[in-house]
Amino acid sequence: MTRAATTMLLALLACLGIVLASERAEAQTTSVAPCRAYSDERLPLSAAIGQLEWTCGKSGLQDGRKVTWLRFDTWDRNDPPKEFSSRITVFDSIAIAALAADGSMQVERYSAGQATPVAAGPTFTVDLPEIEDDTRAILVRIVAPHSVTIGSEARLVTRPQNQTGALFATMFLAMLTGMLVMPLLFDGMFFVVLRERFVLFHACMTISMIVYIGTAGGVVSSFFTLPISLLAIAAPLVWAVGVGFGGLFIASFVERDMLRQWERRALTALSFWSMLVPGFAALQLPWTQSFDNQLYFYAFLPVIPGLICAIVTALMRGSRAARFLAAAWLLVMATAVDRLLKGLGVYVGSDSIDLSMFFALALEVVIVGLGVADRFLAVRRERDRALTEARTLEELSERDALTGLLNRRALEARFPVLRAEGFTAMAVIDVDKFKSVNDLHGHATGDAVLKSVANALRRDDINSLAFRMGGEEFVLLLRGMGAIERAEERRLAITEEVARSGLVPEVVTASMGVVEVPHDALADSSFDALYLRADRLLYEAKACGRDRTMSERLKVFRPRRTVERRVAA
């Protein structure tokens, strides 16, 4: 990790400590946990205390009931609370009554649209009725809540929401959001270069986390006034989608041989499960009020162990990518499990852990972003190596293994380009009576003779190229003035080169057919057409006694254009 990234993380840790300290200071000014009751019908506020079965403390939480009731009996009488606050979720209405000692009550009623989201927190507030000295209890009726946490995390707030702690929390979350933007930009650049799916999945996961921090963390509430119902749906929905993209990211990010095919398919299935099932429950439709909260959290039970198993398995197999994933996801998994247990009503805890989750998400994106950069370099090295090997194999496939000259495949593939570059002459050369060399001296000597022939034809000359067509047949391509004469010099050099090598006592000669065809001399100047002409000339040379050249030079005759002049009258 770079020094800049380390400095930024230390600064964020310091901010997190300040924010958590502010949260603890705020918690000292709020009321104790309320008593709770539940009903399947909307009772009048005046009848609730006597007819309902109340449970005080942190146990007895129930999910999916039509109405959630809360009763606050104690608060600081010298500094009475001013607001009711709880976790954001979808609900129909809230009614709050301040019960006086004489049985009278002051009531405030709110719809979901009248609740105010708190900046820097997944909570909302509504104003309490005026608390008098003789107020003995505060009764809250919440109709059709979609989450048990609206009751488990409810409290009476003494100080207004624009307190110092909220300001620190907003700054902290804004810094986290800024941290997430940089890896997103890198993902865009990496995807342009690599076109790898894991980069795209990481970008989608990062976008989901940015939206989650903005909605669940209350950052957007500092700038825009959004309905509670929209925030209540957006946060769990983007979390489900983000977890799904996280699974797809792991499946495509871990090295190919570190996870088996069925393991990747299982991860993919879990990812789509996370998007579809918890994603559906996150919509919190009216007809799913009785079960969508439990469906949402229970649906994650197979997902979290599945992701952990995939990372641990790849880590045990020596995956470098899994090291980044393990470091990044450890804190995320811990905070996610805490959130899951609180969401199911297993226990009631402080909502300060949410800030730790936001920090864990930002830390995860940064660490995984470094892993993506590391994987980017590794993939690029692999691709460069593969391209080099492919070029090497292609070059080997176009080279004659014996002589080192380019072969017929290379000649046919490059011929149009070479013609365009001015190679207008083609010479086909065949070693005379080469079979007798093999028969008298063996194939090893014959191969050595062919190497000498190749050396005679190969020159450090940009205006000529030599190819071996197969056996004892070679081709020369030439351009420039005197192409036929230069080809003849090469043919004669074969005899001299073989004699100089001392490989065989006999004189080795060669026959040649040469054709020189300007660009527009023939309608068909393809390789096959020119090779056919040169090959015919070669066999004419063979028929005339060998050790000679037959050539043909085509010329283009262009008629002069007559210019007609008209004299003006």
Protein backbone atom coordinates (compact mmCIF):
# COMPACT_ATOMS: atom_id res chain seq x y z
CA MET A 1 0.00 0.00 0.00
CA THR A 2 1.33 3.41 -0.88
CA ARG A 3 2.28 6.00 1.72
CA ALA A 4 -0.57 8.27 0.58
CA ALA A 5 -3.13 5.49 1.01
CA THR A 6 -1.75 4.68 4.46
CA THR A 7 -1.94 8.33 5.52
CA MET A 8 -5.52 8.57 4.28
CA LEU A 9 -6.56 5.44 6.17
CA LEU A 10 -4.95 6.70 9.38
CA ALA A 11 -6.79 10.00 9.00
CA LEU A 12 -10.06 8.17 8.48
CA LEU A 13 -9.43 6.02 11.55
CA ALA A 14 -8.88 9.18 13.58
CA CYS A 15 -12.11 10.64 12.20
CA LEU A 16 -13.91 7.40 13.01
CA GLY A 17 -12.71 7.62 16.60
CA ILE A 18 -13.95 11.21 16.90
CA VAL A 19 -17.30 10.29 15.40
CA LEU A 20 -17.77 7.28 17.68
CA ALA A 21 -16.85 9.41 20.68
CA SER A 22 -19.44 11.96 19.60
CA GLU A 23 -21.99 9.20 19.19
CA ARG A 24 -21.31 7.93 22.71
CA ALA A 25 -21.67 11.44 24.07
CA GLU A 26 -24.99 11.73 22.30
CA ALA A 27 -26.17 8.37 23.63
CA GLN A 28 -25.81 9.64 27.20
CA THR A 29 -28.49 12.23 26.55
CA THR A 30 -31.08 9.80 25.15
CA SER A 31 -33.62 7.72 26.93
CA VAL A 32 -33.27 4.12 28.02
CA ALA A 33 -34.72 1.28 25.97
CA PRO A 34 -38.53 1.40 25.76
CA CYS A 35 -41.06 -1.27 26.60
CA ARG A 36 -42.57 -2.95 23.53
CA ALA A 37 -45.84 -4.53 22.54
CA TYR A 38 -47.29 -5.82 19.29
CA SER A 39 -50.76 -6.20 17.82
CA ASP A 40 -52.34 -7.31 14.58
CA GLU A 41 -54.89 -4.51 14.56
CA ARG A 42 -54.74 -0.77 15.07
CA LEU A 43 -55.98 -0.11 18.60
CA PRO A 44 -56.78 3.35 19.96
CA LEU A 45 -53.89 4.95 21.83
CA SER A 46 -56.00 5.21 24.98
CA ALA A 47 -56.63 1.44 25.04
CA ALA A 48 -53.08 0.28 24.29
CA ILE A 49 -51.58 0.40 27.78
CA GLY A 50 -54.29 -1.66 29.38
CA GLN A 51 -54.96 -4.20 26.62
CA LEU A 52 -51.47 -5.03 25.32
CA GLU A 53 -48.87 -7.34 26.80
CA TRP A 54 -45.77 -5.22 27.32
CA THR A 55 -42.17 -6.45 27.41
CA CYS A 56 -39.50 -4.18 28.84
CA GLY A 57 -35.80 -4.58 28.12
CA LYS A 58 -33.96 -5.79 25.04
CA SER A 59 -35.77 -9.11 24.60
CA GLY A 60 -39.14 -10.04 23.16
CA LEU A 61 -38.66 -8.49 19.72
CA GLN A 62 -41.25 -9.57 17.15
CA ASP A 63 -41.09 -9.10 13.41
CA GLY A 64 -43.87 -8.89 10.84
CA ARG A 65 -46.68 -7.77 13.16
CA LYS A 66 -49.16 -5.21 11.89
CA VAL A 67 -48.56 -2.65 14.64
CA THR A 68 -45.49 -2.04 16.81
CA TRP A 69 -46.04 -0.24 20.13
CA LEU A 70 -43.39 1.50 22.22
CA ARG A 71 -43.69 2.96 25.71
CA PHE A 72 -41.07 5.24 27.23
CA ASP A 73 -41.43 5.63 30.99
CA THR A 74 -38.16 7.32 31.97
CA TRP A 75 -36.15 10.27 30.67
CA ASP A 76 -34.24 13.21 32.06
CA ARG A 77 -36.94 15.35 33.66
CA ASN A 78 -34.61 18.35 33.76
CA ASP A 79 -33.91 18.12 30.02
CA PRO A 80 -36.94 16.45 28.42
CA PRO A 81 -36.63 14.88 24.94
CA LYS A 82 -37.82 16.74 21.89
CA GLU A 83 -37.75 14.12 19.12
CA PHE A 84 -38.52 10.48 18.50
CA SER A 85 -35.83 8.72 16.44
CA SER A 86 -35.48 5.26 14.95
CA ARG A 87 -33.94 3.39 12.02
CA ILE A 88 -35.31 4.20 8.60
CA THR A 89 -37.75 1.65 7.22
CA VAL A 90 -41.01 1.59 5.33
CA PHE A 91 -44.11 2.19 7.48
CA ASP A 92 -47.58 3.68 7.09
CA SER A 93 -47.88 6.08 9.99
CA ILE A 94 -46.66 6.98 13.46
CA ALA A 95 -48.77 8.33 16.30
CA ILE A 96 -47.08 9.65 19.47
CA ALA A 97 -48.98 10.43 22.66
CA ALA A 98 -47.71 12.15 25.80
CA LEU A 99 -49.72 10.61 28.67
CA ALA A 100 -50.34 12.87 31.65
CA ALA A 101 -50.87 11.69 35.21
CA ASP A 102 -54.60 12.46 35.00
CA GLY A 103 -55.04 10.20 31.95
CA SER A 104 -55.18 12.96 29.37
CA MET A 105 -52.86 12.86 26.39
CA GLN A 106 -51.38 15.10 23.74
CA VAL A 107 -51.09 13.36 20.39
CA GLU A 108 -49.01 14.01 17.27
CA ARG A 109 -49.63 11.96 14.12
CA TYR A 110 -47.26 11.61 11.18
CA SER A 111 -47.28 9.83 7.86
CA ALA A 112 -44.06 8.33 6.50
CA GLY A 113 -43.64 11.32 4.22
CA GLN A 114 -43.59 13.71 7.18
CA ALA A 115 -40.65 12.03 8.91
CA THR A 116 -37.29 13.78 8.62
CA PRO A 117 -34.20 11.73 7.68
CA VAL A 118 -31.17 12.49 9.83
CA ALA A 119 -27.98 13.62 8.17
CA ALA A 120 -25.12 11.16 8.74
CA GLY A 121 -27.13 8.23 9.93
CA PRO A 122 -29.68 5.59 8.86
CA THR A 123 -32.32 7.16 11.11
CA PHE A 124 -35.27 9.52 10.98
CA THR A 125 -36.91 11.80 13.51
CA VAL A 126 -40.34 13.23 14.24
CA ASP A 127 -41.21 15.84 16.84
CA LEU A 128 -42.69 14.77 20.15
CA PRO A 129 -45.76 16.36 21.70
CA GLU A 130 -44.88 18.89 24.34
CA ILE A 131 -43.55 17.11 27.42
CA GLU A 132 -45.00 18.56 30.64
CA ASP A 133 -43.89 18.05 34.21
CA ASP A 134 -46.81 15.69 34.83
CA THR A 135 -46.17 13.57 31.71
CA ARG A 136 -45.72 10.02 32.96
CA ALA A 137 -45.19 8.10 29.70
CA ILE A 138 -44.71 8.57 25.99
CA LEU A 139 -46.61 6.08 23.84
CA VAL A 140 -45.67 5.42 20.20
CA ARG A 141 -47.80 3.48 17.69
CA ILE A 142 -46.10 2.47 14.42
CA VAL A 143 -48.43 1.02 11.79
CA ALA A 144 -47.20 -1.54 9.23
CA PRO A 145 -43.45 -1.35 9.89
CA HIS A 146 -41.34 -3.51 7.57
CA SER A 147 -38.38 -3.93 9.93
CA VAL A 148 -38.04 -5.00 13.53
CA THR A 149 -35.29 -2.40 13.99
CA ILE A 150 -37.81 0.45 14.00
CA GLY A 151 -38.72 -0.81 17.46
CA SER A 152 -35.39 -2.19 18.63
CA GLU A 153 -33.42 0.96 17.79
CA ALA A 154 -36.05 3.53 18.79
CA ARG A 155 -35.12 6.28 21.23
CA LEU A 156 -36.06 9.72 22.45
CA VAL A 157 -33.56 12.38 21.49
CA THR A 158 -32.92 15.40 23.64
CA ARG A 159 -30.69 17.38 21.31
CA PRO A 160 -31.66 18.40 17.78
CA GLN A 161 -30.19 16.49 14.86
CA ASN A 162 -27.81 19.23 13.67
CA GLN A 163 -25.44 18.53 16.52
CA THR A 164 -21.65 18.40 16.47
CA GLY A 165 -21.59 14.60 16.27
CA ALA A 166 -23.75 14.66 13.15
CA LEU A 167 -21.40 17.18 11.55
CA PHE A 168 -18.37 14.99 12.23
CA ALA A 169 -20.23 11.94 10.95
CA THR A 170 -21.23 13.75 7.75
CA MET A 171 -17.63 14.80 7.12
CA PHE A 172 -16.44 11.27 7.82
CA LEU A 173 -18.93 9.70 5.40
CA ALA A 174 -18.17 12.32 2.76
CA MET A 175 -14.48 11.41 3.01
CA LEU A 176 -15.36 7.74 2.63
CA THR A 177 -17.42 8.49 -0.46
CA GLY A 178 -14.50 10.43 -1.92
CA MET A 179 -12.23 7.45 -1.27
CA LEU A 180 -14.57 5.24 -3.28
CA VAL A 181 -14.57 7.51 -6.32
CA MET A 182 -10.85 7.06 -7.04
CA PRO A 183 -10.96 3.23 -7.40
CA LEU A 184 -13.99 3.72 -9.63
CA LEU A 185 -11.97 5.94 -11.98
CA PHE A 186 -9.16 3.39 -12.02
CA ASP A 187 -11.68 0.67 -12.86
CA GLY A 188 -12.78 2.68 -15.88
CA MET A 189 -9.22 3.04 -17.13
CA PHE A 190 -8.38 -0.62 -16.45
CA PHE A 191 -11.50 -1.81 -18.29
CA VAL A 192 -10.63 0.25 -21.36
CA VAL A 193 -7.26 -1.53 -21.51
CA LEU A 194 -8.12 -5.06 -20.36
CA ARG A 195 -11.82 -5.58 -21.04
CA GLU A 196 -11.82 -8.05 -18.14
CA ARG A 197 -15.15 -8.80 -16.47
CA PHE A 198 -13.78 -8.59 -12.94
CA VAL A 199 -12.95 -4.90 -13.48
CA LEU A 200 -16.53 -4.22 -14.54
CA PHE A 201 -17.92 -6.16 -11.57
CA HIS A 202 -15.67 -4.26 -9.17
CA ALA A 203 -16.87 -0.96 -10.64
CA CYS A 204 -20.51 -2.02 -10.19
CA MET A 205 -19.78 -3.13 -6.63
CA THR A 206 -18.10 0.21 -5.90
CA ILE A 207 -21.05 2.16 -7.30
CA SER A 208 -23.39 0.09 -5.10
CA MET A 209 -21.31 0.87 -2.02
CA ILE A 210 -21.25 4.59 -2.84
CA VAL A 211 -25.04 4.61 -3.14
CA TYR A 212 -25.36 2.56 0.05
CA ILE A 213 -23.22 4.95 2.08
CA GLY A 214 -25.08 7.88 0.57
CA THR A 215 -28.52 6.50 1.47
CA ALA A 216 -27.97 4.38 4.59
CA GLY A 217 -25.33 6.77 5.90
CA GLY A 218 -27.52 9.80 5.36
CA VAL A 219 -25.01 11.70 3.22
CA VAL A 220 -27.64 12.50 0.59
CA SER A 221 -29.92 13.83 3.33
CA SER A 222 -27.35 16.56 3.95
CA PHE A 223 -27.91 17.86 0.42
CA PHE A 224 -31.34 16.66 -0.70
CA THR A 225 -34.66 16.00 0.98
CA LEU A 226 -35.69 12.51 -0.08
CA PRO A 227 -38.75 10.59 1.11
CA ILE A 228 -38.20 8.12 3.92
CA SER A 229 -39.80 5.37 1.83
CA LEU A 230 -37.24 5.90 -0.96
CA LEU A 231 -34.29 5.81 1.44
CA ALA A 232 -35.74 2.76 3.19
CA ILE A 233 -35.88 0.84 -0.10
CA ALA A 234 -32.70 2.16 -1.72
CA ALA A 235 -30.26 1.23 1.05
CA PRO A 236 -31.11 -2.49 1.43
CA LEU A 237 -31.64 -2.85 -2.32
CA VAL A 238 -28.21 -1.52 -3.31
CA TRP A 239 -26.66 -3.58 -0.50
CA ALA A 240 -28.18 -6.75 -1.97
CA VAL A 241 -27.06 -5.76 -5.47
CA GLY A 242 -23.58 -4.85 -4.18
CA VAL A 243 -23.18 -8.22 -2.46
CA GLY A 244 -24.25 -9.90 -5.70
CA PHE A 245 -21.65 -8.00 -7.70
CA GLY A 246 -19.14 -8.85 -4.97
CA GLY A 247 -19.75 -12.55 -5.56
CA LEU A 248 -19.43 -12.14 -9.32
CA PHE A 249 -16.25 -10.18 -8.74
CA ILE A 250 -14.72 -12.97 -6.64
CA ALA A 251 -15.71 -15.60 -9.21
CA SER A 252 -13.97 -13.71 -12.02
CA PHE A 253 -11.13 -12.10 -10.04
CA VAL A 254 -9.51 -15.16 -8.46
CA GLU A 255 -6.93 -16.80 -10.70
CA ARG A 256 -8.14 -19.46 -13.11
CA ASP A 257 -6.55 -22.47 -11.39
CA MET A 258 -7.41 -21.37 -7.83
CA LEU A 259 -11.15 -22.08 -8.02
CA ARG A 260 -12.74 -25.03 -9.79
CA GLN A 261 -15.42 -24.53 -12.38
CA TRP A 262 -18.24 -25.77 -10.14
CA GLU A 263 -17.07 -23.44 -7.37
CA ARG A 264 -17.26 -20.46 -9.70
CA ARG A 265 -20.71 -21.54 -10.83
CA ALA A 266 -21.83 -21.83 -7.21
CA LEU A 267 -20.53 -18.32 -6.54
CA THR A 268 -22.38 -17.03 -9.58
CA ALA A 269 -25.60 -18.69 -8.40
CA LEU A 270 -25.21 -17.17 -4.92
CA SER A 271 -24.60 -13.77 -6.51
CA PHE A 272 -27.82 -13.85 -8.50
CA TRP A 273 -29.64 -15.22 -5.46
CA SER A 274 -28.44 -12.18 -3.49
CA MET A 275 -29.64 -9.79 -6.16
CA LEU A 276 -33.02 -11.43 -6.70
CA VAL A 277 -34.28 -12.72 -3.34
CA PRO A 278 -33.03 -10.07 -0.87
CA GLY A 279 -33.46 -7.53 -3.66
CA PHE A 280 -37.14 -8.44 -3.92
CA ALA A 281 -37.57 -8.31 -0.15
CA ALA A 282 -35.89 -4.88 -0.10
CA LEU A 283 -38.77 -3.45 -2.15
CA GLN A 284 -40.95 -3.78 0.99
CA LEU A 285 -44.24 -4.03 -0.87
CA PRO A 286 -47.46 -3.58 1.13
CA TRP A 287 -48.47 -7.23 0.80
CA THR A 288 -45.02 -8.47 1.96
CA GLN A 289 -45.03 -6.49 5.22
CA SER A 290 -45.45 -9.57 7.37
CA PHE A 291 -42.39 -11.43 6.06
CA ASP A 292 -40.10 -9.28 3.88
CA ASN A 293 -37.70 -8.30 6.70
CA GLN A 294 -37.06 -11.92 7.70
CA LEU A 295 -36.86 -12.97 4.04
CA TYR A 296 -34.27 -10.27 3.40
CA PHE A 297 -31.91 -11.26 6.19
CA TYR A 298 -32.45 -15.03 6.11
CA ALA A 299 -31.71 -15.00 2.37
CA PHE A 300 -28.19 -13.83 3.17
CA LEU A 301 -27.47 -16.83 5.40
CA PRO A 302 -26.16 -19.03 2.53
CA VAL A 303 -24.47 -16.09 0.79
CA ILE A 304 -22.08 -14.96 3.52
CA PRO A 305 -20.65 -18.45 4.27
CA GLY A 306 -20.41 -19.10 0.53
CA LEU A 307 -18.31 -15.99 -0.07
CA ILE A 308 -16.12 -16.76 2.94
CA CYS A 309 -15.57 -20.37 1.79
CA ALA A 310 -14.60 -19.22 -1.70
CA ILE A 311 -12.01 -16.78 -0.36
CA VAL A 312 -10.59 -19.26 2.16
CA THR A 313 -10.44 -22.04 -0.46
CA ALA A 314 -8.56 -19.85 -2.93
CA LEU A 315 -6.30 -18.64 -0.13
CA MET A 316 -5.39 -22.20 0.86
CA ARG A 317 -4.54 -22.97 -2.77
CA GLY A 318 -2.05 -20.12 -2.86
CA SER A 319 -4.10 -17.45 -4.62
CA ARG A 320 -2.49 -14.02 -4.61
CA ALA A 321 -5.82 -12.36 -5.39
CA ALA A 322 -7.43 -14.07 -2.38
CA ARG A 323 -4.93 -12.34 -0.07
CA PHE A 324 -6.34 -8.97 -1.05
CA LEU A 325 -9.89 -10.30 -0.70
CA ALA A 326 -9.23 -11.74 2.77
CA ALA A 327 -7.70 -8.49 4.02
CA ALA A 328 -10.50 -6.42 2.50
CA TRP A 329 -13.52 -8.50 3.46
CA LEU A 330 -12.66 -9.48 7.04
CA LEU A 331 -14.07 -6.33 8.65
CA VAL A 332 -16.94 -6.17 6.14
CA MET A 333 -18.03 -9.70 7.02
CA ALA A 334 -17.86 -8.98 10.75
CA THR A 335 -20.00 -5.84 10.50
CA ALA A 336 -22.37 -7.54 8.04
CA VAL A 337 -22.99 -10.41 10.48
CA ASP A 338 -23.66 -7.87 13.23
CA ARG A 339 -26.13 -6.05 10.99
CA LEU A 340 -27.81 -9.33 10.05
CA LEU A 341 -28.30 -10.37 13.68
CA LYS A 342 -29.70 -6.97 14.62
CA GLY A 343 -31.94 -6.99 11.56
CA LEU A 344 -33.42 -10.31 12.63
CA GLY A 345 -33.98 -8.99 16.15
CA VAL A 346 -31.55 -11.44 17.75
CA TYR A 347 -30.15 -8.65 19.89
CA VAL A 348 -30.25 -4.89 20.25
CA GLY A 349 -27.01 -2.98 19.79
CA SER A 350 -25.78 0.54 19.29
CA ASP A 351 -26.18 1.97 15.80
CA SER A 352 -22.61 3.29 16.06
CA ILE A 353 -21.56 0.00 14.46
CA ASP A 354 -23.07 1.32 11.22
CA LEU A 355 -20.26 3.87 10.96
CA SER A 356 -17.79 1.03 11.37
CA MET A 357 -19.54 -0.78 8.52
CA PHE A 358 -19.24 2.26 6.28
CA PHE A 359 -15.55 2.48 7.10
CA ALA A 360 -15.18 -1.26 6.42
CA LEU A 361 -16.83 -0.82 3.01
CA ALA A 362 -14.51 2.02 2.06
CA LEU A 363 -11.50 0.05 3.30
CA GLU A 364 -12.67 -2.98 1.31
CA VAL A 365 -12.98 -1.01 -1.92
CA VAL A 366 -9.54 0.58 -1.48
CA ILE A 367 -7.78 -2.72 -0.68
CA VAL A 368 -9.56 -4.59 -3.45
CA GLY A 369 -8.77 -1.67 -5.76
CA LEU A 370 -5.10 -2.28 -5.03
CA GLY A 371 -5.74 -5.96 -5.74
CA VAL A 372 -7.36 -5.05 -9.05
CA ALA A 373 -4.32 -2.95 -9.95
CA ASP A 374 -2.05 -5.85 -9.02
CA ARG A 375 -4.18 -8.25 -11.06
CA PHE A 376 -4.20 -5.75 -13.92
CA LEU A 377 -0.41 -5.82 -14.05
CA ALA A 378 -0.39 -9.62 -13.80
CA VAL A 379 -2.98 -10.02 -16.58
CA ARG A 380 -1.13 -7.55 -18.74
CA ARG A 381 2.11 -9.46 -18.23
CA GLU A 382 0.32 -12.69 -19.11
CA ARG A 383 -1.15 -11.14 -22.24
CA ASP A 384 2.18 -9.67 -23.30
CA ARG A 385 3.81 -13.06 -22.75
CA ALA A 386 1.05 -14.78 -24.71
CA LEU A 387 1.36 -12.29 -27.56
CA THR A 388 5.12 -12.75 -27.62
CA GLU A 389 4.72 -16.52 -27.69
CA ALA A 390 2.09 -16.23 -30.42
CA ARG A 391 4.37 -14.04 -32.50
CA THR A 392 7.23 -16.45 -31.92
CA LEU A 393 5.10 -19.42 -32.94
CA GLU A 394 3.83 -17.55 -35.97
CA GLU A 395 7.36 -16.64 -36.95
CA LEU A 396 8.47 -20.24 -36.45
CA SER A 397 5.58 -21.45 -38.59
CA GLU A 398 6.71 -19.08 -41.37
CA ARG A 399 10.39 -20.03 -41.17
CA ASP A 400 12.04 -22.97 -42.83
CA ALA A 401 13.64 -24.95 -40.02
CA LEU A 402 16.60 -26.12 -42.12
CA THR A 403 17.73 -22.96 -43.88
CA GLY A 404 16.17 -20.23 -41.74
CA LEU A 405 14.57 -18.66 -44.82
CA LEU A 406 10.92 -17.66 -44.90
CA ASN A 407 8.73 -20.43 -46.30
CA ARG A 408 5.92 -20.57 -48.83
CA ARG A 409 3.28 -19.78 -46.21
CA ALA A 410 5.03 -16.53 -45.33
CA LEU A 411 5.48 -15.65 -49.00
CA GLU A 412 1.82 -16.16 -49.87
CA ALA A 413 0.65 -14.21 -46.81
CA ARG A 414 2.93 -11.24 -47.47
CA PHE A 415 2.92 -11.20 -51.25
CA PRO A 416 0.28 -8.46 -51.75
CA VAL A 417 2.15 -6.16 -49.36
CA LEU A 418 5.49 -6.93 -50.99
CA ARG A 419 4.04 -6.21 -54.43
CA ALA A 420 2.78 -2.89 -53.15
CA GLU A 421 6.27 -2.16 -51.82
CA GLY A 422 7.73 -2.53 -55.33
CA PHE A 423 8.85 -6.18 -55.57
CA THR A 424 7.94 -6.68 -59.23
CA ALA A 425 10.33 -9.52 -60.16
CA MET A 426 9.93 -13.17 -59.13
CA ALA A 427 12.63 -15.79 -59.68
CA VAL A 428 11.98 -19.50 -59.13
CA ILE A 429 15.25 -21.43 -58.61
CA ASP A 430 15.73 -25.20 -58.56
CA VAL A 431 18.99 -27.04 -57.76
CA ASP A 432 19.93 -29.27 -60.69
CA LYS A 433 20.08 -33.04 -60.14
CA PHE A 434 19.78 -32.63 -56.38
CA LYS A 435 18.47 -36.18 -55.99
CA SER A 436 21.84 -37.52 -57.04
CA VAL A 437 23.49 -35.52 -54.24
CA ASN A 438 21.27 -37.26 -51.68
CA ASP A 439 21.76 -40.66 -53.31
CA LEU A 440 25.57 -40.40 -53.49
CA HIS A 441 26.38 -38.54 -50.27
CA GLY A 442 23.37 -39.01 -48.00
CA HIS A 443 20.61 -36.74 -46.79
CA ALA A 444 22.77 -35.04 -44.16
CA THR A 445 25.11 -33.82 -46.89
CA GLY A 446 22.12 -32.89 -49.01
CA ASP A 447 20.78 -30.76 -46.16
CA ALA A 448 24.16 -29.05 -45.82
CA VAL A 449 24.13 -28.30 -49.55
CA LEU A 450 20.67 -26.72 -49.22
CA LYS A 451 22.01 -24.52 -46.42
CA SER A 452 24.82 -23.38 -48.70
CA VAL A 453 22.27 -22.60 -51.42
CA ALA A 454 20.30 -20.53 -48.92
CA ASN A 455 23.46 -18.66 -47.91
CA ALA A 456 24.13 -17.83 -51.54
CA LEU A 457 20.62 -16.46 -52.03
CA ARG A 458 20.46 -14.65 -48.71
CA ARG A 459 22.01 -11.19 -48.94
CA ASP A 460 21.95 -8.14 -46.71
CA ASP A 461 19.92 -6.33 -49.32
CA ILE A 462 16.60 -4.59 -48.73
CA ASN A 463 15.76 -4.94 -52.42
CA SER A 464 15.72 -8.74 -52.49
CA LEU A 465 14.10 -11.46 -50.39
CA ALA A 466 14.79 -15.21 -50.47
CA PHE A 467 12.26 -17.97 -49.67
CA ARG A 468 12.42 -21.76 -49.61
CA MET A 469 9.38 -23.29 -51.26
CA GLY A 470 10.22 -26.87 -50.34
CA GLY A 471 12.76 -29.51 -51.31
CA GLU A 472 15.43 -27.96 -53.52
CA GLU A 473 13.19 -25.16 -54.84
CA PHE A 474 13.68 -21.52 -53.82
CA VAL A 475 12.12 -18.17 -54.75
CA LEU A 476 13.67 -14.73 -54.98
CA LEU A 477 11.64 -11.52 -54.95
CA LEU A 478 13.44 -8.45 -56.28
CA ARG A 479 12.72 -4.80 -56.86
CA GLY A 480 14.51 -1.91 -58.46
CA MET A 481 16.65 -1.59 -61.58
CA GLY A 482 18.38 -4.65 -63.04
CA ALA A 483 16.27 -7.16 -61.14
CA ILE A 484 16.78 -9.97 -63.68
CA GLU A 485 20.54 -9.39 -63.81
CA ARG A 486 20.81 -9.41 -60.00
CA ALA A 487 18.81 -12.64 -59.86
CA GLU A 488 21.27 -14.20 -62.30
CA GLU A 489 24.16 -13.19 -60.04
CA ARG A 490 22.50 -15.03 -57.16
CA ARG A 491 22.01 -18.15 -59.27
CA LEU A 492 25.68 -18.22 -60.24
CA ALA A 493 26.66 -17.61 -56.61
CA ILE A 494 25.07 -20.95 -55.69
CA THR A 495 27.73 -22.91 -57.57
CA GLU A 496 30.51 -20.85 -56.00
CA GLU A 497 29.12 -21.17 -52.46
CA VAL A 498 28.69 -24.96 -52.64
CA ALA A 499 32.16 -25.39 -54.14
CA ARG A 500 33.67 -23.20 -51.42
CA SER A 501 32.02 -25.33 -48.73
CA GLY A 502 33.70 -28.52 -50.01
CA LEU A 503 30.65 -30.60 -49.20
CA VAL A 504 30.62 -32.55 -52.48
CA PRO A 505 33.23 -33.00 -55.20
CA GLU A 506 30.70 -32.50 -57.99
CA VAL A 507 29.78 -29.10 -59.38
CA VAL A 508 26.32 -28.12 -58.15
CA THR A 509 24.36 -25.87 -60.49
CA ALA A 510 20.86 -24.39 -60.52
CA SER A 511 18.26 -23.46 -63.11
CA MET A 512 16.05 -20.41 -62.83
CA GLY A 513 12.93 -18.89 -64.33
CA VAL A 514 12.44 -15.14 -63.85
CA VAL A 515 9.45 -12.98 -64.60
CA GLU A 516 9.36 -9.21 -64.13
CA VAL A 517 5.87 -7.77 -64.09
CA PRO A 518 5.18 -4.07 -63.39
CA HIS A 519 2.13 -3.30 -61.26
CA ASP A 520 -0.29 -2.61 -64.07
CA ALA A 521 1.15 -5.00 -66.68
CA LEU A 522 -1.25 -7.86 -65.89
CA ALA A 523 -4.87 -7.90 -64.86
CA ASP A 524 -4.02 -10.78 -62.52
CA SER A 525 -0.73 -10.18 -60.72
CA SER A 526 -1.43 -12.47 -57.78
CA PHE A 527 1.15 -14.82 -56.32
CA ASP A 528 -0.31 -17.84 -58.12
CA ALA A 529 -0.31 -16.05 -61.48
CA LEU A 530 3.30 -14.85 -61.26
CA TYR A 531 4.54 -18.12 -59.77
CA LEU A 532 2.94 -20.05 -62.63
CA ARG A 533 4.75 -17.88 -65.21
CA ALA A 534 8.11 -18.15 -63.44
CA ASP A 535 7.71 -21.90 -62.95
CA ARG A 536 7.07 -22.40 -66.67
CA LEU A 537 10.22 -20.45 -67.46
CA LEU A 538 12.13 -22.62 -64.96
CA TYR A 539 11.11 -25.81 -66.71
CA GLU A 540 12.04 -24.30 -70.06
CA ALA A 541 15.51 -23.73 -68.60
CA LYS A 542 15.58 -27.34 -67.40
CA ALA A 543 14.49 -28.58 -70.81
CA CYS A 544 17.22 -26.57 -72.52
CA GLY A 545 20.01 -28.31 -70.59
CA ARG A 546 19.90 -26.92 -67.02
CA ASP A 547 22.36 -24.47 -65.43
CA ARG A 548 20.73 -21.53 -67.12
CA THR A 549 18.07 -18.84 -66.77
CA MET A 550 14.95 -18.18 -68.78
CA SER A 551 13.42 -14.76 -68.19
CA GLU A 552 10.46 -12.71 -69.23
CA ARG A 553 9.99 -8.98 -68.80
CA LEU A 554 6.49 -7.65 -69.38
CA LYS A 555 6.14 -4.07 -70.54
CA VAL A 556 3.21 -1.71 -70.49
CA PHE A 557 2.46 0.28 -73.61
CA ARG A 558 0.35 3.35 -72.91
CA PRO A 559 -1.12 5.19 -75.92
CA ARG A 560 -0.48 8.88 -76.02
CA ARG A 561 -3.41 11.07 -75.26
CA THR A 562 -4.35 13.46 -78.02
CA VAL A 563 -5.37 16.91 -76.97
CA GLU A 564 -8.13 18.43 -79.00
CA ARG A 565 -7.97 22.17 -79.25
CA ARG A 566 -10.84 24.27 -80.30
CA VAL A 567 -10.39 27.75 -81.61
CA ALA A 568 -13.01 30.15 -80.50
CA ALA A 569 -14.84 31.76 -83.40
